[in-house]
mmCIF file of all heavy atoms, coordinates in Angstrom:
data_MODEL
# 
_entry.id   MODEL 
# 
loop_
_atom_site.group_PDB 
_atom_site.id 
_atom_site.type_symbol 
_atom_site.label_atom_id 
_atom_site.label_alt_id 
_atom_site.label_comp_id 
_atom_site.label_asym_id 
_atom_site.label_entity_id 
_atom_site.label_seq_id 
_atom_site.pdbx_PDB_ins_code 
_atom_site.Cartn_x 
_atom_site.Cartn_y 
_atom_site.Cartn_z 
_atom_site.occupancy 
_atom_site.B_iso_or_equiv 
_atom_site.pdbx_formal_charge 
_atom_site.auth_seq_id 
_atom_site.auth_comp_id 
_atom_site.auth_asym_id 
_atom_site.auth_atom_id 
_atom_site.pdbx_PDB_model_num 
ATOM 1   N N   . GLU A 1 1  ? 22.849 -0.892  -37.991 1.00 0.00 ? 1  GLU A N   1 
ATOM 2   C CA  . GLU A 1 1  ? 21.774 -1.824  -38.188 1.00 0.00 ? 1  GLU A CA  1 
ATOM 3   C C   . GLU A 1 1  ? 21.298 -2.398  -36.846 1.00 0.00 ? 1  GLU A C   1 
ATOM 4   O O   . GLU A 1 1  ? 20.423 -3.229  -36.814 1.00 0.00 ? 1  GLU A O   1 
ATOM 5   C CB  . GLU A 1 1  ? 22.122 -2.871  -39.135 1.00 0.00 ? 1  GLU A CB  1 
ATOM 6   C CG  . GLU A 1 1  ? 22.579 -2.461  -40.458 1.00 0.00 ? 1  GLU A CG  1 
ATOM 7   C CD  . GLU A 1 1  ? 23.132 -3.645  -41.330 1.00 0.00 ? 1  GLU A CD  1 
ATOM 8   O OE1 . GLU A 1 1  ? 24.401 -3.908  -41.208 1.00 0.00 ? 1  GLU A OE1 1 
ATOM 9   O OE2 . GLU A 1 1  ? 22.348 -4.249  -42.050 1.00 0.00 ? 1  GLU A OE2 1 
ATOM 10  N N   . ILE A 1 2  ? 21.855 -1.921  -35.786 1.00 0.00 ? 2  ILE A N   1 
ATOM 11  C CA  . ILE A 1 2  ? 21.567 -2.489  -34.435 1.00 0.00 ? 2  ILE A CA  1 
ATOM 12  C C   . ILE A 1 2  ? 20.935 -1.443  -33.574 1.00 0.00 ? 2  ILE A C   1 
ATOM 13  O O   . ILE A 1 2  ? 21.422 -0.261  -33.391 1.00 0.00 ? 2  ILE A O   1 
ATOM 14  C CB  . ILE A 1 2  ? 22.946 -3.053  -33.822 1.00 0.00 ? 2  ILE A CB  1 
ATOM 15  C CG1 . ILE A 1 2  ? 23.574 -4.092  -34.739 1.00 0.00 ? 2  ILE A CG1 1 
ATOM 16  C CG2 . ILE A 1 2  ? 22.559 -3.591  -32.491 1.00 0.00 ? 2  ILE A CG2 1 
ATOM 17  C CD1 . ILE A 1 2  ? 24.939 -4.454  -34.190 1.00 0.00 ? 2  ILE A CD1 1 
ATOM 18  N N   . ALA A 1 3  ? 19.827 -1.856  -32.842 1.00 0.00 ? 3  ALA A N   1 
ATOM 19  C CA  . ALA A 1 3  ? 19.216 -0.992  -31.780 1.00 0.00 ? 3  ALA A CA  1 
ATOM 20  C C   . ALA A 1 3  ? 19.628 -1.648  -30.453 1.00 0.00 ? 3  ALA A C   1 
ATOM 21  O O   . ALA A 1 3  ? 19.926 -2.907  -30.425 1.00 0.00 ? 3  ALA A O   1 
ATOM 22  C CB  . ALA A 1 3  ? 17.743 -0.840  -31.979 1.00 0.00 ? 3  ALA A CB  1 
ATOM 23  N N   . GLY A 1 4  ? 19.495 -0.941  -29.392 1.00 0.00 ? 4  GLY A N   1 
ATOM 24  C CA  . GLY A 1 4  ? 19.857 -1.490  -28.091 1.00 0.00 ? 4  GLY A CA  1 
ATOM 25  C C   . GLY A 1 4  ? 18.639 -1.271  -27.136 1.00 0.00 ? 4  GLY A C   1 
ATOM 26  O O   . GLY A 1 4  ? 17.962 -0.209  -27.033 1.00 0.00 ? 4  GLY A O   1 
ATOM 27  N N   . VAL A 1 5  ? 18.347 -2.371  -26.303 1.00 0.00 ? 5  VAL A N   1 
ATOM 28  C CA  . VAL A 1 5  ? 17.332 -2.284  -25.327 1.00 0.00 ? 5  VAL A CA  1 
ATOM 29  C C   . VAL A 1 5  ? 17.833 -2.694  -23.954 1.00 0.00 ? 5  VAL A C   1 
ATOM 30  O O   . VAL A 1 5  ? 18.498 -3.815  -23.913 1.00 0.00 ? 5  VAL A O   1 
ATOM 31  C CB  . VAL A 1 5  ? 16.098 -3.050  -25.762 1.00 0.00 ? 5  VAL A CB  1 
ATOM 32  C CG1 . VAL A 1 5  ? 15.091 -3.083  -24.581 1.00 0.00 ? 5  VAL A CG1 1 
ATOM 33  C CG2 . VAL A 1 5  ? 15.455 -2.503  -26.951 1.00 0.00 ? 5  VAL A CG2 1 
ATOM 34  N N   . VAL A 1 6  ? 17.648 -1.922  -22.892 1.00 0.00 ? 6  VAL A N   1 
ATOM 35  C CA  . VAL A 1 6  ? 17.869 -2.324  -21.524 1.00 0.00 ? 6  VAL A CA  1 
ATOM 36  C C   . VAL A 1 6  ? 16.605 -3.065  -20.992 1.00 0.00 ? 6  VAL A C   1 
ATOM 37  O O   . VAL A 1 6  ? 15.562 -2.585  -20.942 1.00 0.00 ? 6  VAL A O   1 
ATOM 38  C CB  . VAL A 1 6  ? 18.263 -1.151  -20.685 1.00 0.00 ? 6  VAL A CB  1 
ATOM 39  C CG1 . VAL A 1 6  ? 18.503 -1.519  -19.211 1.00 0.00 ? 6  VAL A CG1 1 
ATOM 40  C CG2 . VAL A 1 6  ? 19.377 -0.285  -21.273 1.00 0.00 ? 6  VAL A CG2 1 
ATOM 41  N N   . LEU A 1 7  ? 16.931 -4.208  -20.512 1.00 0.00 ? 7  LEU A N   1 
ATOM 42  C CA  . LEU A 1 7  ? 15.800 -5.075  -19.838 1.00 0.00 ? 7  LEU A CA  1 
ATOM 43  C C   . LEU A 1 7  ? 15.705 -4.643  -18.353 1.00 0.00 ? 7  LEU A C   1 
ATOM 44  O O   . LEU A 1 7  ? 16.599 -4.964  -17.540 1.00 0.00 ? 7  LEU A O   1 
ATOM 45  C CB  . LEU A 1 7  ? 16.120 -6.528  -20.035 1.00 0.00 ? 7  LEU A CB  1 
ATOM 46  C CG  . LEU A 1 7  ? 16.360 -7.083  -21.487 1.00 0.00 ? 7  LEU A CG  1 
ATOM 47  C CD1 . LEU A 1 7  ? 16.606 -8.625  -21.384 1.00 0.00 ? 7  LEU A CD1 1 
ATOM 48  C CD2 . LEU A 1 7  ? 15.129 -6.732  -22.255 1.00 0.00 ? 7  LEU A CD2 1 
ATOM 49  N N   . ALA A 1 8  ? 14.625 -3.993  -18.039 1.00 0.00 ? 8  ALA A N   1 
ATOM 50  C CA  . ALA A 1 8  ? 14.456 -3.411  -16.744 1.00 0.00 ? 8  ALA A CA  1 
ATOM 51  C C   . ALA A 1 8  ? 13.078 -3.752  -16.067 1.00 0.00 ? 8  ALA A C   1 
ATOM 52  O O   . ALA A 1 8  ? 12.558 -2.967  -15.282 1.00 0.00 ? 8  ALA A O   1 
ATOM 53  C CB  . ALA A 1 8  ? 14.785 -1.907  -16.740 1.00 0.00 ? 8  ALA A CB  1 
ATOM 54  N N   . GLY A 1 9  ? 12.460 -4.811  -16.704 1.00 0.00 ? 9  GLY A N   1 
ATOM 55  C CA  . GLY A 1 9  ? 11.097 -5.041  -16.242 1.00 0.00 ? 9  GLY A CA  1 
ATOM 56  C C   . GLY A 1 9  ? 10.986 -6.159  -15.175 1.00 0.00 ? 9  GLY A C   1 
ATOM 57  O O   . GLY A 1 9  ? 9.852  -6.672  -15.037 1.00 0.00 ? 9  GLY A O   1 
ATOM 58  N N   . GLY A 1 10 ? 12.002 -6.532  -14.600 1.00 0.00 ? 10 GLY A N   1 
ATOM 59  C CA  . GLY A 1 10 ? 12.028 -7.715  -13.666 1.00 0.00 ? 10 GLY A CA  1 
ATOM 60  C C   . GLY A 1 10 ? 11.322 -7.350  -12.318 1.00 0.00 ? 10 GLY A C   1 
ATOM 61  O O   . GLY A 1 10 ? 10.947 -6.140  -12.077 1.00 0.00 ? 10 GLY A O   1 
ATOM 62  N N   . ARG A 1 11 ? 11.073 -8.345  -11.422 1.00 0.00 ? 11 ARG A N   1 
ATOM 63  C CA  . ARG A 1 11 ? 10.339 -8.108  -10.260 1.00 0.00 ? 11 ARG A CA  1 
ATOM 64  C C   . ARG A 1 11 ? 11.158 -7.483  -9.100  1.00 0.00 ? 11 ARG A C   1 
ATOM 65  O O   . ARG A 1 11 ? 10.556 -6.875  -8.219  1.00 0.00 ? 11 ARG A O   1 
ATOM 66  C CB  . ARG A 1 11 ? 9.757  -9.408  -9.739  1.00 0.00 ? 11 ARG A CB  1 
ATOM 67  C CG  . ARG A 1 11 ? 8.711  -10.069 -10.694 1.00 0.00 ? 11 ARG A CG  1 
ATOM 68  C CD  . ARG A 1 11 ? 8.372  -11.433 -10.062 1.00 0.00 ? 11 ARG A CD  1 
ATOM 69  N NE  . ARG A 1 11 ? 7.483  -12.200 -11.087 1.00 0.00 ? 11 ARG A NE  1 
ATOM 70  C CZ  . ARG A 1 11 ? 6.119  -12.070 -11.047 1.00 0.00 ? 11 ARG A CZ  1 
ATOM 71  N NH1 . ARG A 1 11 ? 5.545  -11.205 -10.105 1.00 0.00 ? 11 ARG A NH1 1 
ATOM 72  N NH2 . ARG A 1 11 ? 5.352  -12.729 -11.832 1.00 0.00 ? 11 ARG A NH2 1 
ATOM 73  N N   . SER A 1 12 ? 12.504 -7.527  -9.215  1.00 0.00 ? 12 SER A N   1 
ATOM 74  C CA  . SER A 1 12 ? 13.376 -7.109  -8.193  1.00 0.00 ? 12 SER A CA  1 
ATOM 75  C C   . SER A 1 12 ? 13.068 -7.534  -6.766  1.00 0.00 ? 12 SER A C   1 
ATOM 76  O O   . SER A 1 12 ? 13.159 -6.765  -5.807  1.00 0.00 ? 12 SER A O   1 
ATOM 77  C CB  . SER A 1 12 ? 13.444 -5.509  -8.204  1.00 0.00 ? 12 SER A CB  1 
ATOM 78  O OG  . SER A 1 12 ? 13.742 -5.054  -9.454  1.00 0.00 ? 12 SER A OG  1 
ATOM 79  N N   . GLN A 1 13 ? 12.608 -8.770  -6.632  1.00 0.00 ? 13 GLN A N   1 
ATOM 80  C CA  . GLN A 1 13 ? 12.156 -9.297  -5.286  1.00 0.00 ? 13 GLN A CA  1 
ATOM 81  C C   . GLN A 1 13 ? 13.302 -9.338  -4.249  1.00 0.00 ? 13 GLN A C   1 
ATOM 82  O O   . GLN A 1 13 ? 13.093 -8.939  -3.101  1.00 0.00 ? 13 GLN A O   1 
ATOM 83  C CB  . GLN A 1 13 ? 11.521 -10.671 -5.461  1.00 0.00 ? 13 GLN A CB  1 
ATOM 84  C CG  . GLN A 1 13 ? 10.255 -10.630 -6.186  1.00 0.00 ? 13 GLN A CG  1 
ATOM 85  C CD  . GLN A 1 13 ? 9.642  -12.027 -6.381  1.00 0.00 ? 13 GLN A CD  1 
ATOM 86  O OE1 . GLN A 1 13 ? 10.335 -12.990 -6.831  1.00 0.00 ? 13 GLN A OE1 1 
ATOM 87  N NE2 . GLN A 1 13 ? 8.394  -12.159 -6.291  1.00 0.00 ? 13 GLN A NE2 1 
ATOM 88  N N   . ARG A 1 14 ? 14.395 -9.733  -4.622  1.00 0.00 ? 14 ARG A N   1 
ATOM 89  C CA  . ARG A 1 14 ? 15.512 -9.955  -3.660  1.00 0.00 ? 14 ARG A CA  1 
ATOM 90  C C   . ARG A 1 14 ? 16.124 -8.554  -3.306  1.00 0.00 ? 14 ARG A C   1 
ATOM 91  O O   . ARG A 1 14 ? 16.664 -8.429  -2.146  1.00 0.00 ? 14 ARG A O   1 
ATOM 92  C CB  . ARG A 1 14 ? 16.568 -10.831 -4.284  1.00 0.00 ? 14 ARG A CB  1 
ATOM 93  C CG  . ARG A 1 14 ? 16.193 -12.208 -4.449  1.00 0.00 ? 14 ARG A CG  1 
ATOM 94  C CD  . ARG A 1 14 ? 17.188 -13.028 -5.360  1.00 0.00 ? 14 ARG A CD  1 
ATOM 95  N NE  . ARG A 1 14 ? 18.426 -13.111 -4.650  1.00 0.00 ? 14 ARG A NE  1 
ATOM 96  C CZ  . ARG A 1 14 ? 19.518 -13.462 -5.384  1.00 0.00 ? 14 ARG A CZ  1 
ATOM 97  N NH1 . ARG A 1 14 ? 19.398 -13.933 -6.593  1.00 0.00 ? 14 ARG A NH1 1 
ATOM 98  N NH2 . ARG A 1 14 ? 20.706 -13.627 -4.795  1.00 0.00 ? 14 ARG A NH2 1 
ATOM 99  N N   . MET A 1 15 ? 15.887 -7.575  -4.192  1.00 0.00 ? 15 MET A N   1 
ATOM 100 C CA  . MET A 1 15 ? 16.379 -6.209  -3.817  1.00 0.00 ? 15 MET A CA  1 
ATOM 101 C C   . MET A 1 15 ? 15.502 -5.554  -2.854  1.00 0.00 ? 15 MET A C   1 
ATOM 102 O O   . MET A 1 15 ? 15.889 -4.757  -2.011  1.00 0.00 ? 15 MET A O   1 
ATOM 103 C CB  . MET A 1 15 ? 16.576 -5.385  -5.138  1.00 0.00 ? 15 MET A CB  1 
ATOM 104 C CG  . MET A 1 15 ? 17.076 -3.984  -4.891  1.00 0.00 ? 15 MET A CG  1 
ATOM 105 S SD  . MET A 1 15 ? 18.736 -3.823  -4.169  1.00 0.00 ? 15 MET A SD  1 
ATOM 106 C CE  . MET A 1 15 ? 19.743 -4.312  -5.583  1.00 0.00 ? 15 MET A CE  1 
ATOM 107 N N   . GLY A 1 16 ? 14.184 -5.769  -2.997  1.00 0.00 ? 16 GLY A N   1 
ATOM 108 C CA  . GLY A 1 16 ? 13.181 -5.164  -2.138  1.00 0.00 ? 16 GLY A CA  1 
ATOM 109 C C   . GLY A 1 16 ? 12.597 -3.889  -2.689  1.00 0.00 ? 16 GLY A C   1 
ATOM 110 O O   . GLY A 1 16 ? 11.537 -3.423  -2.132  1.00 0.00 ? 16 GLY A O   1 
ATOM 111 N N   . HIS A 1 17 ? 13.142 -3.490  -3.823  1.00 0.00 ? 17 HIS A N   1 
ATOM 112 C CA  . HIS A 1 17 ? 12.624 -2.304  -4.460  1.00 0.00 ? 17 HIS A CA  1 
ATOM 113 C C   . HIS A 1 17 ? 13.162 -2.324  -5.960  1.00 0.00 ? 17 HIS A C   1 
ATOM 114 O O   . HIS A 1 17 ? 14.026 -3.248  -6.285  1.00 0.00 ? 17 HIS A O   1 
ATOM 115 C CB  . HIS A 1 17 ? 12.960 -1.023  -3.825  1.00 0.00 ? 17 HIS A CB  1 
ATOM 116 C CG  . HIS A 1 17 ? 14.499 -0.759  -3.639  1.00 0.00 ? 17 HIS A CG  1 
ATOM 117 N ND1 . HIS A 1 17 ? 15.259 -0.366  -4.646  1.00 0.00 ? 17 HIS A ND1 1 
ATOM 118 C CD2 . HIS A 1 17 ? 15.315 -1.067  -2.549  1.00 0.00 ? 17 HIS A CD2 1 
ATOM 119 C CE1 . HIS A 1 17 ? 16.525 -0.243  -4.310  1.00 0.00 ? 17 HIS A CE1 1 
ATOM 120 N NE2 . HIS A 1 17 ? 16.567 -0.719  -2.974  1.00 0.00 ? 17 HIS A NE2 1 
ATOM 121 N N   . ASP A 1 18 ? 12.631 -1.437  -6.758  1.00 0.00 ? 18 ASP A N   1 
ATOM 122 C CA  . ASP A 1 18 ? 13.010 -1.496  -8.175  1.00 0.00 ? 18 ASP A CA  1 
ATOM 123 C C   . ASP A 1 18 ? 14.500 -1.318  -8.335  1.00 0.00 ? 18 ASP A C   1 
ATOM 124 O O   . ASP A 1 18 ? 15.005 -0.255  -7.943  1.00 0.00 ? 18 ASP A O   1 
ATOM 125 C CB  . ASP A 1 18 ? 12.191 -0.428  -8.876  1.00 0.00 ? 18 ASP A CB  1 
ATOM 126 C CG  . ASP A 1 18 ? 12.518 -0.293  -10.447 1.00 0.00 ? 18 ASP A CG  1 
ATOM 127 O OD1 . ASP A 1 18 ? 12.820 -1.292  -10.941 1.00 0.00 ? 18 ASP A OD1 1 
ATOM 128 O OD2 . ASP A 1 18 ? 12.566 0.845   -10.911 1.00 0.00 ? 18 ASP A OD2 1 
ATOM 129 N N   . LYS A 1 19 ? 15.092 -2.236  -8.998  1.00 0.00 ? 19 LYS A N   1 
ATOM 130 C CA  . LYS A 1 19 ? 16.585 -2.178  -9.191  1.00 0.00 ? 19 LYS A CA  1 
ATOM 131 C C   . LYS A 1 19 ? 16.977 -1.009  -10.121 1.00 0.00 ? 19 LYS A C   1 
ATOM 132 O O   . LYS A 1 19 ? 18.006 -0.378  -9.837  1.00 0.00 ? 19 LYS A O   1 
ATOM 133 C CB  . LYS A 1 19 ? 17.061 -3.414  -9.674  1.00 0.00 ? 19 LYS A CB  1 
ATOM 134 C CG  . LYS A 1 19 ? 17.188 -4.537  -8.685  1.00 0.00 ? 19 LYS A CG  1 
ATOM 135 C CD  . LYS A 1 19 ? 18.045 -5.765  -9.210  1.00 0.00 ? 19 LYS A CD  1 
ATOM 136 C CE  . LYS A 1 19 ? 17.253 -6.626  -10.189 1.00 0.00 ? 19 LYS A CE  1 
ATOM 137 N NZ  . LYS A 1 19 ? 17.871 -7.889  -10.530 1.00 0.00 ? 19 LYS A NZ  1 
ATOM 138 N N   . ALA A 1 20 ? 16.103 -0.758  -11.059 1.00 0.00 ? 20 ALA A N   1 
ATOM 139 C CA  . ALA A 1 20 ? 16.568 0.310   -12.072 1.00 0.00 ? 20 ALA A CA  1 
ATOM 140 C C   . ALA A 1 20 ? 16.803 1.645   -11.372 1.00 0.00 ? 20 ALA A C   1 
ATOM 141 O O   . ALA A 1 20 ? 17.644 2.356   -11.828 1.00 0.00 ? 20 ALA A O   1 
ATOM 142 C CB  . ALA A 1 20 ? 15.411 0.404   -13.137 1.00 0.00 ? 20 ALA A CB  1 
ATOM 143 N N   . GLY A 1 21 ? 16.018 1.929   -10.317 1.00 0.00 ? 21 GLY A N   1 
ATOM 144 C CA  . GLY A 1 21 ? 16.235 3.176   -9.653  1.00 0.00 ? 21 GLY A CA  1 
ATOM 145 C C   . GLY A 1 21 ? 17.205 3.179   -8.559  1.00 0.00 ? 21 GLY A C   1 
ATOM 146 O O   . GLY A 1 21 ? 17.587 4.235   -7.873  1.00 0.00 ? 21 GLY A O   1 
ATOM 147 N N   . ALA A 1 22 ? 17.756 2.049   -8.243  1.00 0.00 ? 22 ALA A N   1 
ATOM 148 C CA  . ALA A 1 22 ? 18.851 1.930   -7.119  1.00 0.00 ? 22 ALA A CA  1 
ATOM 149 C C   . ALA A 1 22 ? 20.007 2.817   -7.514  1.00 0.00 ? 22 ALA A C   1 
ATOM 150 O O   . ALA A 1 22 ? 20.502 2.736   -8.616  1.00 0.00 ? 22 ALA A O   1 
ATOM 151 C CB  . ALA A 1 22 ? 19.214 0.514   -7.003  1.00 0.00 ? 22 ALA A CB  1 
ATOM 152 N N   . MET A 1 23 ? 20.486 3.494   -6.507  1.00 0.00 ? 23 MET A N   1 
ATOM 153 C CA  . MET A 1 23 ? 21.694 4.443   -6.779  1.00 0.00 ? 23 MET A CA  1 
ATOM 154 C C   . MET A 1 23 ? 23.062 3.682   -6.568  1.00 0.00 ? 23 MET A C   1 
ATOM 155 O O   . MET A 1 23 ? 23.305 2.931   -5.697  1.00 0.00 ? 23 MET A O   1 
ATOM 156 C CB  . MET A 1 23 ? 21.593 5.604   -5.869  1.00 0.00 ? 23 MET A CB  1 
ATOM 157 C CG  . MET A 1 23 ? 20.333 6.463   -5.922  1.00 0.00 ? 23 MET A CG  1 
ATOM 158 S SD  . MET A 1 23 ? 20.234 7.105   -7.655  1.00 0.00 ? 23 MET A SD  1 
ATOM 159 C CE  . MET A 1 23 ? 21.563 8.251   -7.659  1.00 0.00 ? 23 MET A CE  1 
ATOM 160 N N   . LEU A 1 24 ? 23.874 3.813   -7.562  1.00 0.00 ? 24 LEU A N   1 
ATOM 161 C CA  . LEU A 1 24 ? 25.235 3.288   -7.654  1.00 0.00 ? 24 LEU A CA  1 
ATOM 162 C C   . LEU A 1 24 ? 26.082 4.601   -7.757  1.00 0.00 ? 24 LEU A C   1 
ATOM 163 O O   . LEU A 1 24 ? 26.182 5.175   -8.893  1.00 0.00 ? 24 LEU A O   1 
ATOM 164 C CB  . LEU A 1 24 ? 25.512 2.256   -8.636  1.00 0.00 ? 24 LEU A CB  1 
ATOM 165 C CG  . LEU A 1 24 ? 26.967 1.757   -8.797  1.00 0.00 ? 24 LEU A CG  1 
ATOM 166 C CD1 . LEU A 1 24 ? 27.368 1.083   -7.540  1.00 0.00 ? 24 LEU A CD1 1 
ATOM 167 C CD2 . LEU A 1 24 ? 27.075 0.809   -10.069 1.00 0.00 ? 24 LEU A CD2 1 
ATOM 168 N N   . GLY A 1 25 ? 26.827 4.960   -6.735  1.00 0.00 ? 25 GLY A N   1 
ATOM 169 C CA  . GLY A 1 25 ? 27.476 6.246   -6.822  1.00 0.00 ? 25 GLY A CA  1 
ATOM 170 C C   . GLY A 1 25 ? 26.497 7.396   -6.834  1.00 0.00 ? 25 GLY A C   1 
ATOM 171 O O   . GLY A 1 25 ? 25.420 7.349   -6.190  1.00 0.00 ? 25 GLY A O   1 
ATOM 172 N N   . ALA A 1 26 ? 26.705 8.221   -7.866  1.00 0.00 ? 26 ALA A N   1 
ATOM 173 C CA  . ALA A 1 26 ? 25.824 9.381   -7.969  1.00 0.00 ? 26 ALA A CA  1 
ATOM 174 C C   . ALA A 1 26 ? 24.642 9.159   -8.911  1.00 0.00 ? 26 ALA A C   1 
ATOM 175 O O   . ALA A 1 26 ? 23.842 10.096  -9.175  1.00 0.00 ? 26 ALA A O   1 
ATOM 176 C CB  . ALA A 1 26 ? 26.583 10.630  -8.378  1.00 0.00 ? 26 ALA A CB  1 
ATOM 177 N N   . GLU A 1 27 ? 24.657 8.005   -9.536  1.00 0.00 ? 27 GLU A N   1 
ATOM 178 C CA  . GLU A 1 27 ? 23.664 7.703   -10.645 1.00 0.00 ? 27 GLU A CA  1 
ATOM 179 C C   . GLU A 1 27 ? 22.835 6.435   -10.378 1.00 0.00 ? 27 GLU A C   1 
ATOM 180 O O   . GLU A 1 27 ? 23.349 5.545   -9.734  1.00 0.00 ? 27 GLU A O   1 
ATOM 181 C CB  . GLU A 1 27 ? 24.298 7.634   -12.023 1.00 0.00 ? 27 GLU A CB  1 
ATOM 182 C CG  . GLU A 1 27 ? 24.924 8.893   -12.396 1.00 0.00 ? 27 GLU A CG  1 
ATOM 183 C CD  . GLU A 1 27 ? 25.590 8.831   -13.770 1.00 0.00 ? 27 GLU A CD  1 
ATOM 184 O OE1 . GLU A 1 27 ? 26.280 7.778   -14.052 1.00 0.00 ? 27 GLU A OE1 1 
ATOM 185 O OE2 . GLU A 1 27 ? 25.505 9.810   -14.545 1.00 0.00 ? 27 GLU A OE2 1 
ATOM 186 N N   . SER A 1 28 ? 21.631 6.376   -10.989 1.00 0.00 ? 28 SER A N   1 
ATOM 187 C CA  . SER A 1 28 ? 20.901 5.125   -10.886 1.00 0.00 ? 28 SER A CA  1 
ATOM 188 C C   . SER A 1 28 ? 21.529 4.013   -11.653 1.00 0.00 ? 28 SER A C   1 
ATOM 189 O O   . SER A 1 28 ? 22.299 4.258   -12.633 1.00 0.00 ? 28 SER A O   1 
ATOM 190 C CB  . SER A 1 28 ? 19.452 5.351   -11.323 1.00 0.00 ? 28 SER A CB  1 
ATOM 191 O OG  . SER A 1 28 ? 19.424 5.553   -12.732 1.00 0.00 ? 28 SER A OG  1 
ATOM 192 N N   . LEU A 1 29 ? 21.160 2.758   -11.363 1.00 0.00 ? 29 LEU A N   1 
ATOM 193 C CA  . LEU A 1 29 ? 21.709 1.616   -12.213 1.00 0.00 ? 29 LEU A CA  1 
ATOM 194 C C   . LEU A 1 29 ? 21.220 1.838   -13.557 1.00 0.00 ? 29 LEU A C   1 
ATOM 195 O O   . LEU A 1 29 ? 21.942 1.514   -14.586 1.00 0.00 ? 29 LEU A O   1 
ATOM 196 C CB  . LEU A 1 29 ? 21.050 0.300   -11.596 1.00 0.00 ? 29 LEU A CB  1 
ATOM 197 C CG  . LEU A 1 29 ? 21.786 -0.262  -10.494 1.00 0.00 ? 29 LEU A CG  1 
ATOM 198 C CD1 . LEU A 1 29 ? 21.121 -1.585  -10.052 1.00 0.00 ? 29 LEU A CD1 1 
ATOM 199 C CD2 . LEU A 1 29 ? 23.195 -0.446  -10.620 1.00 0.00 ? 29 LEU A CD2 1 
# 
């Protein structure tokens, strides 16, 4: 009865680029 949603629409200002695509190890966040 539960769906899941990743919140990835933030500004990422402190990162300097889109956090969702930042690489951690061999995969994106």
